[in-house]
Protein backbone atom coordinates (compact mmCIF):
# COMPACT_ATOMS: atom_id res chain seq x y z
CA MET A 1 0.00 0.00 0.00
CA LEU A 2 2.81 2.39 0.88
CA MET A 3 4.58 1.83 -2.43
CA THR A 4 1.35 2.40 -4.36
CA LEU A 5 0.75 5.70 -2.57
CA ILE A 6 4.36 6.76 -3.09
CA GLN A 7 4.09 6.07 -6.83
CA LYS A 8 0.84 8.04 -6.95
CA GLU A 9 2.45 10.98 -5.15
CA MET A 10 5.46 10.86 -7.46
CA MET A 11 3.30 10.90 -10.57
CA HIS A 12 1.32 13.80 -9.15
CA HIS A 13 4.50 15.86 -8.75
CA ILE A 14 6.09 14.79 -12.06
CA LEU A 15 3.04 15.91 -14.02
CA SER A 16 2.93 19.28 -12.28
CA VAL A 17 4.40 22.57 -13.50
CA ARG A 18 6.55 22.76 -10.36
CA PHE A 19 8.55 19.70 -11.42
CA VAL A 20 9.27 21.19 -14.87
CA ALA A 21 10.44 24.44 -13.27
CA LEU A 22 12.59 22.52 -10.79
CA LEU A 23 14.14 20.40 -13.54
CA LEU A 24 15.02 23.38 -15.71
CA MET A 25 16.45 25.30 -12.76
CA CYS A 26 18.61 22.37 -11.65
CA VAL A 27 19.96 21.47 -15.09
CA LEU A 28 20.82 25.09 -15.92
CA LEU A 29 21.84 26.53 -12.56
CA ILE A 30 24.17 23.95 -11.00
CA PRO A 31 26.33 22.95 -14.03
CA LEU A 32 26.66 26.57 -15.17
CA ASN A 33 27.54 27.64 -11.66
CA LEU A 34 30.26 24.98 -11.32
CA HIS A 35 31.65 25.86 -14.77
CA ILE A 36 32.00 29.57 -13.92
CA ASN A 37 33.46 28.96 -10.45
CA TYR A 38 36.04 26.54 -11.87
CA HIS A 39 37.36 29.26 -14.18
CA HIS A 40 37.58 31.61 -11.20
CA TYR A 41 39.54 28.93 -9.33
CA LEU A 42 41.98 28.53 -12.23
CA GLN A 43 42.63 32.28 -12.22
CA ARG A 44 43.28 32.25 -8.45
CA GLN A 45 45.61 29.28 -8.95
CA ILE A 46 47.60 31.23 -11.55
CA ASP A 47 47.86 34.21 -9.20
CA TYR A 48 49.05 31.91 -6.41
CA GLN A 49 51.74 30.31 -8.59
CA GLU A 50 53.01 33.71 -9.75
CA GLN A 51 53.25 34.91 -6.16
CA GLU A 52 55.08 31.73 -5.14
CA THR A 53 57.53 32.13 -8.04
CA LEU A 54 58.20 35.74 -7.08
CA GLU A 55 58.91 34.77 -3.47
CA ASP A 56 61.27 31.98 -4.58
CA GLU A 57 63.18 34.38 -6.87
CA ASN A 58 63.57 36.93 -4.06
CA ALA A 59 64.82 34.25 -1.67
CA LEU A 60 67.31 32.94 -4.25
CA LYS A 61 68.57 36.47 -4.91
CA ASP A 62 69.27 37.00 -1.19
CA GLU A 63 71.09 33.66 -0.91
CA ASN A 64 73.32 34.19 -3.97
CA SER A 65 74.24 37.82 -3.33
CA GLU A 66 77.83 38.53 -2.23
CA LYS A 67 78.97 40.42 0.85
CA PRO A 68 78.27 42.98 2.00
CA GLU A 69 75.13 42.82 -0.13
CA GLY A 70 74.52 39.28 1.09
CA MET A 71 73.81 40.61 4.56
CA SER A 72 71.86 43.65 3.39
CA ILE A 73 68.52 42.09 4.24
CA LYS A 74 69.70 41.52 7.83
CA PHE A 75 70.78 45.12 8.18
CA LYS A 76 67.46 46.19 6.68
CA LEU A 77 65.74 44.05 9.28
CA ALA A 78 67.71 45.82 11.99
CA THR A 79 66.65 49.25 10.77
CA ASP A 80 63.24 48.54 9.21
CA THR A 81 61.03 46.59 11.59
CA ASN A 82 58.16 46.55 9.06
CA LEU A 83 60.21 44.70 6.42
CA GLU A 84 58.51 41.43 5.38
CA VAL A 85 61.07 38.64 5.61
CA SER A 86 58.82 35.93 4.21
CA LYS A 87 55.18 35.10 3.54
CA VAL A 88 52.73 32.31 4.10
CA ILE A 89 50.69 32.43 0.88
CA LEU A 90 47.11 31.19 0.86
CA LYS A 91 46.73 28.38 -1.66
CA PRO A 92 43.28 28.11 -3.27
CA THR A 93 41.58 24.75 -2.85
CA PRO A 94 39.90 23.00 -5.82
CA LEU A 95 36.79 22.47 -3.70
CA SER A 96 36.23 26.24 -3.60
CA VAL A 97 34.42 25.57 -6.88
CA PHE A 98 31.56 24.23 -4.74
CA ALA A 99 31.81 26.65 -1.83
CA THR A 100 33.69 29.95 -1.82
CA GLY A 101 33.28 30.11 1.94
CA LEU A 102 35.89 32.15 3.78
CA GLU A 103 38.57 31.77 1.12
CA SER A 104 37.72 35.07 -0.57
CA ALA A 105 37.67 36.86 2.79
CA LEU A 106 41.01 35.51 4.07
CA PRO A 107 44.16 37.59 3.41
CA SER A 108 46.06 36.47 0.33
CA TYR A 109 49.22 36.09 2.42
CA LEU A 110 50.58 36.50 5.95
CA GLY A 111 53.78 38.58 5.93
CA MET A 112 56.40 38.05 8.64
CA THR A 113 57.95 41.23 10.10
CA ARG A 114 59.76 42.01 13.35
CA ASN A 115 56.68 43.91 14.52
CA GLY A 116 54.39 40.96 13.92
CA ILE A 117 52.30 39.50 11.12
CA THR A 118 50.97 41.67 8.31
CA ARG A 119 48.10 40.65 6.06
CA GLY A 120 47.75 40.85 2.31
CA GLU A 121 44.63 41.94 0.50
CA ALA A 122 41.74 39.51 0.26
CA SER A 123 39.73 38.85 -2.87
CA LEU A 124 36.90 40.86 -1.38
CA SER A 125 39.08 43.98 -1.33
CA THR A 126 40.43 43.53 -4.87
CA ALA A 127 36.96 43.20 -6.45
CA PRO A 128 34.54 44.81 -4.00
CA ILE A 129 31.85 45.70 -6.56
CA ALA A 130 31.52 42.10 -7.73
CA PHE A 131 30.98 40.89 -4.19
CA LEU A 132 28.13 43.31 -3.52
CA LEU A 133 25.75 40.71 -4.92
CA GLY A 134 27.22 37.88 -2.83
CA HIS A 135 28.65 34.48 -3.77
CA LEU A 136 26.81 32.28 -6.24
CA ASP A 137 28.13 28.79 -5.58
CA PHE A 138 26.79 25.30 -4.96
CA VAL A 139 26.36 25.82 -1.21
CA PHE A 140 24.46 29.07 -1.79
CA VAL A 141 22.17 27.41 -4.34
CA VAL A 142 21.36 24.54 -1.98
CA SER A 143 21.01 26.63 1.19
CA THR A 144 18.87 29.36 -0.41
CA VAL A 145 17.22 28.18 -3.62
CA PHE A 146 16.56 24.52 -2.85
CA SER A 147 15.36 25.22 0.68
CA LEU A 148 12.70 27.52 -0.79
CA LEU A 149 11.79 25.00 -3.49
CA ALA A 150 11.45 22.27 -0.86
CA LEU A 151 8.90 24.38 1.01
CA LEU A 152 7.05 25.10 -2.24
CA PHE A 153 6.84 21.36 -2.91
CA THR A 154 5.31 20.56 0.49
CA PHE A 155 3.30 23.59 1.64
CA ASP A 156 0.08 22.10 0.18
CA ALA A 157 0.83 18.41 0.74
CA VAL A 158 -1.87 18.16 3.41
CA ALA A 159 -3.47 21.62 3.38
CA GLY A 160 -4.25 21.39 -0.33
CA GLU A 161 -6.00 18.03 -0.04
CA ARG A 162 -7.79 19.13 3.11
CA GLU A 163 -9.01 22.30 1.40
CA ALA A 164 -10.18 20.34 -1.68
CA GLY A 165 -11.94 17.75 0.49
CA THR A 166 -9.97 14.77 -0.85
CA LEU A 167 -8.21 14.20 2.48
CA ARG A 168 -11.47 13.27 4.21
CA ILE A 169 -12.39 10.83 1.44
CA THR A 170 -8.94 9.24 1.41
CA LEU A 171 -8.79 8.69 5.17
CA ALA A 172 -12.39 7.46 5.26
CA ASN A 173 -11.03 4.18 3.88
CA SER A 174 -8.95 1.81 5.95
CA LEU A 175 -5.76 3.80 5.35
CA PRO A 176 -3.52 4.47 8.34
CA ARG A 177 -2.57 8.09 8.74
CA ASP A 178 1.12 7.35 9.10
CA ILE A 179 1.14 5.50 5.74
CA PHE A 180 -0.58 8.47 4.10
CA LEU A 181 1.89 11.00 5.51
CA TRP A 182 4.93 8.84 4.76
CA SER A 183 3.79 8.54 1.14
CA LYS A 184 3.54 12.33 0.92
CA LEU A 185 7.00 12.90 2.34
CA ILE A 186 8.85 10.07 0.58
CA GLY A 187 7.16 10.52 -2.80
CA GLY A 188 7.70 14.28 -2.87
CA TYR A 189 11.28 13.94 -1.64
CA PHE A 190 12.25 11.38 -4.31
CA VAL A 191 10.79 13.53 -7.08
CA PHE A 192 12.63 16.57 -5.69
CA ILE A 193 16.10 15.04 -5.36
CA LEU A 194 16.01 13.30 -8.74
CA PRO A 195 16.60 16.52 -10.78
CA PHE A 196 19.03 17.70 -8.11
CA LEU A 197 21.20 14.58 -8.41
CA MET A 198 20.99 14.66 -12.21
CA SER A 199 22.21 18.25 -12.29
CA VAL A 200 25.05 17.46 -9.87
CA ILE A 201 26.21 14.59 -12.08
CA ILE A 202 26.08 16.81 -15.17
CA GLY A 203 28.01 19.49 -13.32
CA LEU A 204 30.70 17.02 -12.26
CA LEU A 205 31.05 15.79 -15.85
CA VAL A 206 31.49 19.40 -17.00
CA LEU A 207 34.24 19.88 -14.38
CA VAL A 208 36.04 16.65 -15.28
CA LEU A 209 36.08 17.60 -18.96
CA GLN A 210 37.81 20.85 -17.99
CA GLY A 211 40.47 19.06 -15.93
CA PHE A 212 39.01 19.10 -12.41
CA PRO A 213 40.84 16.47 -10.25
CA LEU A 214 37.72 14.52 -9.27
CA SER A 215 39.61 11.22 -9.27
CA GLU A 216 41.64 12.19 -6.21
CA SER A 217 40.29 10.19 -3.31
CA ASP A 218 40.10 13.03 -0.81
CA ILE A 219 38.31 15.34 -3.26
CA PHE A 220 35.85 12.65 -4.36
CA LEU A 221 34.98 11.72 -0.77
CA ARG A 222 34.52 15.36 0.21
CA ILE A 223 32.19 16.00 -2.74
CA LEU A 224 30.24 12.86 -1.88
CA SER A 225 29.98 14.07 1.72
CA LEU A 226 28.80 17.48 0.50
CA ILE A 227 26.05 15.86 -1.58
CA CYS A 228 24.89 13.72 1.36
CA VAL A 229 24.80 16.74 3.66
CA SER A 230 22.82 18.66 1.02
CA LEU A 231 20.26 15.84 0.82
CA LEU A 232 19.92 15.90 4.61
CA TYR A 233 19.43 19.68 4.56
CA ILE A 234 16.73 19.40 1.89
CA ALA A 235 15.01 16.73 4.00
CA VAL A 236 14.89 19.19 6.91
CA PHE A 237 12.95 21.71 4.84
CA PHE A 238 10.67 18.98 3.49
CA ALA A 239 9.77 18.10 7.07
CA LEU A 240 9.34 21.81 7.88
CA GLY A 241 7.01 22.22 4.91
CA ALA A 242 4.97 19.22 6.05
CA VAL A 243 4.58 20.74 9.52
CA ILE A 244 3.33 24.01 8.05
CA SER A 245 0.97 22.19 5.69
CA ILE A 246 -0.55 20.20 8.56
CA TYR A 247 -1.02 23.17 10.89
CA PHE A 248 -3.01 25.31 8.43
CA ASP A 249 -6.26 24.49 6.66
CA SER A 250 -5.79 26.84 3.69
CA ALA A 251 -3.08 26.28 1.09
CA LYS A 252 -2.72 30.03 0.55
CA THR A 253 -2.17 30.62 4.26
CA ALA A 254 0.34 27.76 4.36
CA LEU A 255 2.22 29.30 1.40
CA ILE A 256 2.46 32.70 3.09
CA VAL A 257 3.61 31.16 6.37
CA ALA A 258 6.12 28.91 4.58
CA PHE A 259 7.66 31.87 2.76
CA THR A 260 7.83 33.90 5.99
CA VAL A 261 9.50 31.05 7.83
CA TRP A 262 11.98 30.64 4.98
CA VAL A 263 12.92 34.34 5.07
CA PHE A 264 13.64 34.21 8.79
CA ALA A 265 15.31 30.78 8.81
CA VAL A 266 17.54 31.31 5.76
CA LEU A 267 18.08 35.06 5.33
CA ILE A 268 17.69 36.77 8.70
CA LEU A 269 18.40 34.63 11.76
CA PRO A 270 21.81 33.24 10.66
CA ARG A 271 23.09 36.79 10.18
CA VAL A 272 21.43 38.22 13.29
CA GLY A 273 23.51 35.83 15.39
CA PHE A 274 26.78 37.41 14.31
CA LEU A 275 25.40 40.94 14.59
CA ALA A 276 24.40 40.15 18.16
CA ALA A 277 27.87 38.72 18.84
CA GLN A 278 29.52 41.97 17.69
CA ILE A 279 27.38 43.89 20.18
CA VAL A 280 27.79 41.43 23.06
CA ALA A 281 31.53 40.84 22.57
CA PRO A 282 33.23 43.67 20.59
CA THR A 283 36.85 43.14 19.59
CA SER A 284 39.78 45.21 18.41
CA THR A 285 41.02 44.85 14.83
CA ALA A 286 44.17 43.09 13.66
CA GLU A 287 45.42 46.39 12.23
CA SER A 288 45.06 48.16 15.59
CA VAL A 289 47.02 45.39 17.31
CA TYR A 290 49.77 45.66 14.70
CA ARG A 291 49.94 49.45 15.10
CA GLU A 292 50.13 49.08 18.87
CA LYS A 293 53.05 46.69 18.58
CA THR A 294 54.77 49.00 16.09
CA ALA A 295 54.39 51.96 18.43
CA LYS A 296 55.83 49.99 21.34
CA ARG A 297 58.85 48.88 19.29
CA SER A 298 59.46 52.48 18.20
CA GLU A 299 59.32 53.56 21.83
CA LEU A 300 61.83 50.92 22.87
CA ARG A 301 64.10 51.76 19.95
CA ALA A 302 64.05 55.44 20.88
CA ALA A 303 65.08 54.53 24.43
CA LEU A 304 67.94 52.37 23.10
CA ASP A 305 69.09 55.13 20.74
CA ALA A 306 69.14 57.57 23.65
CA GLU A 307 71.19 55.13 25.71
CA ARG A 308 73.56 54.53 22.80
CA GLY A 309 73.95 58.28 22.28
CA LYS A 310 74.75 58.69 25.95
CA MET A 311 77.46 56.03 25.72
CA MET A 312 78.95 57.66 22.63
CA SER A 313 79.14 60.98 24.50
CA GLU A 314 80.97 59.22 27.30
CA VAL A 315 83.41 57.72 24.78
CA PHE A 316 84.13 61.16 23.27
CA SER A 317 84.65 62.59 26.74
CA GLU A 318 87.15 59.84 27.56
CA MET A 319 88.98 60.44 24.26
CA GLN A 320 89.18 64.16 24.98
CA LYS A 321 90.58 63.50 28.43
CA SER A 322 93.16 61.14 27.04
CA ASN A 323 94.23 63.74 24.39
CA PRO A 324 93.94 67.17 26.10
CA SER A 325 96.61 68.71 23.84
CA GLN A 326 94.29 68.55 20.76
CA GLY A 327 91.77 70.99 22.24
CA GLY A 328 87.99 71.02 22.06
CA THR A 329 87.76 71.43 18.28
CA ALA A 330 89.52 68.15 17.45
CA VAL A 331 87.67 65.45 15.47
CA PHE A 332 87.83 61.99 17.04
CA THR A 333 87.10 58.73 15.23
CA ILE A 334 85.54 55.81 17.09
CA GLY A 335 87.58 52.72 16.40
CA PRO A 336 86.56 49.02 16.40
CA GLU A 337 87.69 48.59 20.00
CA HIS A 338 85.34 51.35 21.14
CA MET A 339 82.45 49.90 19.11
CA GLU A 340 83.05 46.49 20.67
CA LYS A 341 82.93 47.95 24.16
CA MET A 342 79.76 49.86 23.33
CA ASN A 343 78.10 46.70 22.01
CA GLU A 344 79.04 44.83 25.17
CA LYS A 345 77.56 47.58 27.34
CA MET A 346 74.44 47.83 25.15
CA ALA A 347 73.80 44.07 25.11
CA PRO A 348 71.90 43.97 28.45
CA PHE A 349 69.76 46.95 27.45
CA GLU A 350 68.95 45.41 24.07
CA GLU A 351 68.07 42.08 25.64
CA GLU A 352 65.81 43.81 28.14
CA ALA A 353 64.10 45.73 25.34
CA ARG A 354 63.66 42.55 23.29
CA VAL A 355 62.10 40.70 26.21
CA LYS A 356 59.76 43.62 26.95
CA TYR A 357 58.61 43.75 23.34
CA ARG A 358 58.19 39.97 23.11
CA ASP A 359 56.09 39.89 26.27
CA LEU A 360 53.95 42.81 25.11
CA ALA A 361 53.46 41.36 21.61
CA THR A 362 52.52 37.98 23.06
CA GLN A 363 50.06 39.61 25.43
CA LEU A 364 48.45 41.66 22.64
CA ASP A 365 48.20 38.67 20.31
CA ARG A 366 46.68 36.43 22.95
CA ARG A 367 44.20 39.09 23.96
CA TYR A 368 43.15 39.61 20.35
CA GLN A 369 42.84 35.86 19.73
CA ARG A 370 40.73 35.41 22.87
CA GLU A 371 38.42 38.26 21.87
CA ARG A 372 38.02 36.96 18.32
CA LYS A 373 37.47 33.39 19.44
CA TYR A 374 34.87 34.43 22.01
CA GLN A 375 33.01 36.62 19.49
CA ASP A 376 33.09 33.90 16.81
CA THR A 377 31.86 31.29 19.29
CA ILE A 378 28.91 33.47 20.31
CA GLY A 379 28.03 34.26 16.69
CA VAL A 380 28.26 30.63 15.57
CA ASN A 381 26.16 29.35 18.46
CA PHE A 382 23.51 32.05 18.00
CA SER A 383 23.20 31.34 14.27
CA ARG A 384 22.85 27.59 14.85
CA ILE A 385 19.23 28.06 15.87
CA THR A 386 18.49 27.59 12.16
CA PRO A 387 19.45 24.56 10.02
CA THR A 388 20.83 26.87 7.33
CA ALA A 389 23.77 27.98 9.49
CA SER A 390 24.60 24.40 10.46
CA PHE A 391 24.51 23.33 6.81
CA ILE A 392 26.79 26.18 5.68
CA PHE A 393 29.30 25.52 8.48
CA LEU A 394 29.35 21.81 7.70
CA ALA A 395 29.48 22.24 3.90
CA THR A 396 32.29 24.81 3.94
CA ASP A 397 34.35 22.67 6.31
CA ALA A 398 33.84 19.69 3.98
CA THR A 399 35.07 21.77 1.03
CA GLN A 400 38.06 23.16 2.98
CA THR A 401 36.85 26.76 2.81
CA GLY A 402 35.27 27.13 6.26
CA GLN A 403 36.26 27.68 9.87
CA ALA A 404 38.77 24.83 9.88
CA LYS A 405 40.63 26.36 6.90
CA LYS A 406 40.72 29.76 8.59
CA ASN A 407 42.03 28.31 11.88
CA THR A 408 44.69 26.22 10.12
CA TYR A 409 45.85 29.19 8.03
CA PHE A 410 46.32 31.57 10.94
CA GLN A 411 47.81 28.91 13.22
CA THR A 412 50.39 28.09 10.54
CA GLY A 413 51.28 31.79 10.28
CA THR A 414 51.60 32.11 14.06
CA ARG A 415 53.89 29.07 14.34
CA TYR A 416 56.01 30.33 11.45
CA TYR A 417 56.37 33.74 13.08
CA GLU A 418 57.42 32.14 16.37
CA THR A 419 60.10 30.15 14.52
CA LEU A 420 61.40 33.26 12.75
CA ASP A 421 61.37 35.19 16.01
CA THR A 422 63.49 32.51 17.68
CA GLU A 423 65.94 31.97 14.82
CA ILE A 424 66.22 35.48 13.30
CA PHE A 425 64.34 38.37 14.90
CA SER A 426 65.55 37.81 18.47
CA LYS A 427 69.20 37.75 17.29
CA ILE A 428 69.08 41.09 15.47
CA SER A 429 69.61 44.11 17.67
CA GLU A 430 68.08 47.52 17.17
CA GLY A 431 70.01 49.61 14.66
CA GLY A 432 72.18 46.69 13.50
CA PHE A 433 74.91 47.23 16.14
CA GLY A 434 74.14 44.08 18.08
CA HIS A 435 76.41 41.67 19.80
CA HIS A 436 75.45 38.78 17.50
CA ASN A 437 77.50 37.86 14.46
CA MET A 438 75.29 38.86 11.51
CA GLU A 439 76.88 36.22 9.27
CA ASP A 440 75.58 33.46 11.56
CA ILE A 441 71.98 34.64 11.31
CA PRO A 442 69.97 33.18 8.39
CA ALA A 443 68.46 35.79 6.07
CA THR A 444 65.15 33.94 6.03
CA MET A 445 63.59 30.51 6.46
CA PRO A 446 61.16 28.75 4.09
CA PRO A 447 57.53 28.88 5.25
CA PRO A 448 55.94 25.66 6.46
CA PRO A 449 53.35 23.92 4.27
CA LEU A 450 49.70 24.61 4.96
CA VAL A 451 48.48 21.21 6.17
CA GLU A 452 44.76 20.76 5.56
CA PRO A 453 42.69 18.72 8.05
CA THR A 454 41.66 15.25 6.91
CA LEU A 455 38.04 14.38 6.18
CA GLY A 456 37.78 12.59 9.51
CA GLU A 457 39.13 15.63 11.36
CA THR A 458 36.71 17.83 9.40
CA PHE A 459 33.66 15.86 10.52
CA GLN A 460 35.02 15.75 14.04
CA HIS A 461 35.24 19.55 14.00
CA ALA A 462 31.76 19.88 12.47
CA ALA A 463 30.11 17.02 14.38
CA LEU A 464 27.77 19.40 16.22
CA ASP A 465 26.44 20.83 12.96
CA LEU A 466 25.82 17.35 11.57
CA LEU A 467 24.00 16.32 14.73
CA LEU A 468 21.92 19.51 14.62
CA LEU A 469 20.80 18.80 11.05
CA CYS A 470 19.79 15.28 12.05
CA PHE A 471 18.04 16.70 15.12
CA PHE A 472 16.06 19.21 13.04
CA ALA A 473 15.00 16.51 10.56
CA ILE A 474 13.89 14.07 13.28
CA VAL A 475 12.12 16.65 15.44
CA LEU A 476 10.23 18.27 12.57
CA THR A 477 9.16 14.89 11.19
CA THR A 478 7.99 13.82 14.64
CA VAL A 479 6.03 17.05 15.10
CA ALA A 480 4.39 16.55 11.70
CA PHE A 481 3.24 13.03 12.57
CA LEU A 482 2.02 13.93 16.07
CA LYS A 483 0.00 16.86 14.76
CA PHE A 484 -1.41 14.81 11.87
CA PHE A 485 -2.51 12.01 14.19
CA ARG A 486 -4.40 14.48 16.41
CA MET A 487 -5.86 16.54 13.57
CA ASP A 488 -9.61 16.55 12.98
CA ILE A 489 -10.39 15.83 9.35
């Protein structure tokens, strides 16, 4: 009986105008979207390779240059604390074709300076007009377009038949209510996902023909995971549409309520969560932290310069006392022995200044990271009251463009900076007159690779979002059945 009712429901949807509109939208929207985003990815890949080549050429030039030019970068580091020694360059991921995520908002590189980490321009800043209209990618299409279509497929599943009077006739026979409702949900869902899966397959074929590395195991499994999560998200809105259809007698009323719920669940509430987080937990900006560290280093350098000037005055006074016959107008030259003594006397002051700056920079960085983490946590948890936020968090993590990518990127930059600070920055004194041998200090060090989390680690990080999607689907389906069982026909 259930299979017969499911087939009847499927035929009802297939013969409707809604199915034709859904089919055309899927076949045109998803493959075209993937095709366009793949060309954008190829352009970002070219930009990344050119930037990598430029960095390699600069590093090779510094290594092959002869003295004293070979040590020029070290002397520049001593005098210019904003000089970028090296960069951690953001590599675009092939899966950004499916979800742009945070990749366009992340800085194109993290530059390593003695004052801290600088940030390159993001894609959002290089093409701000284009991003006014938002990102059009696979995740956006599923989270926005298909969620609305799912509600349009189910808003009259029960309300329409109840309004037409066919529901009373159907249930007057010996037909259990649960069988009737299951047939509505399963039949409508199968008809809905069939064009969706067809369009995804066509889109993947278009990508493969253009050279997309679909055969790589990690990429294939992540895309398969993304499709499964999308099907679960669509099921949540099918259950939500069934609840609305059961609670209202009129199909027109159910349609208005369904559209209102969609606007709040998809467009408003996920964004309100982060707006509320900015009010509840405001943070300073990365630029303000960098400026604060720069100001502190300038203050410490000024103090060291004053101390060095004081020592040089003492040296001139000693030289005048040792040569009183030359008079006060004589010109004295500071020899290597005097410079060595000055460096020995300045060493404790420079070490003290370095420790002060290191402690202050560490304190500022940790404070900024705590503020950002607290604000992000509040925003993420607030937005999770809707299934749309959970789906986007889970989908972008699966495509390596979400929170996990952002955390890995900045953690890699922080570790690299700490290594440079230990091996290079801490051994270079202010003004280049330090007690360290400049020839023993490396000019730079290659940046570490950006290690992406595995698929297992990704789902471990996004386990809460997956559980929330399952929770929404189960709870909404349960509510639909309980209300339908108690409903007067």
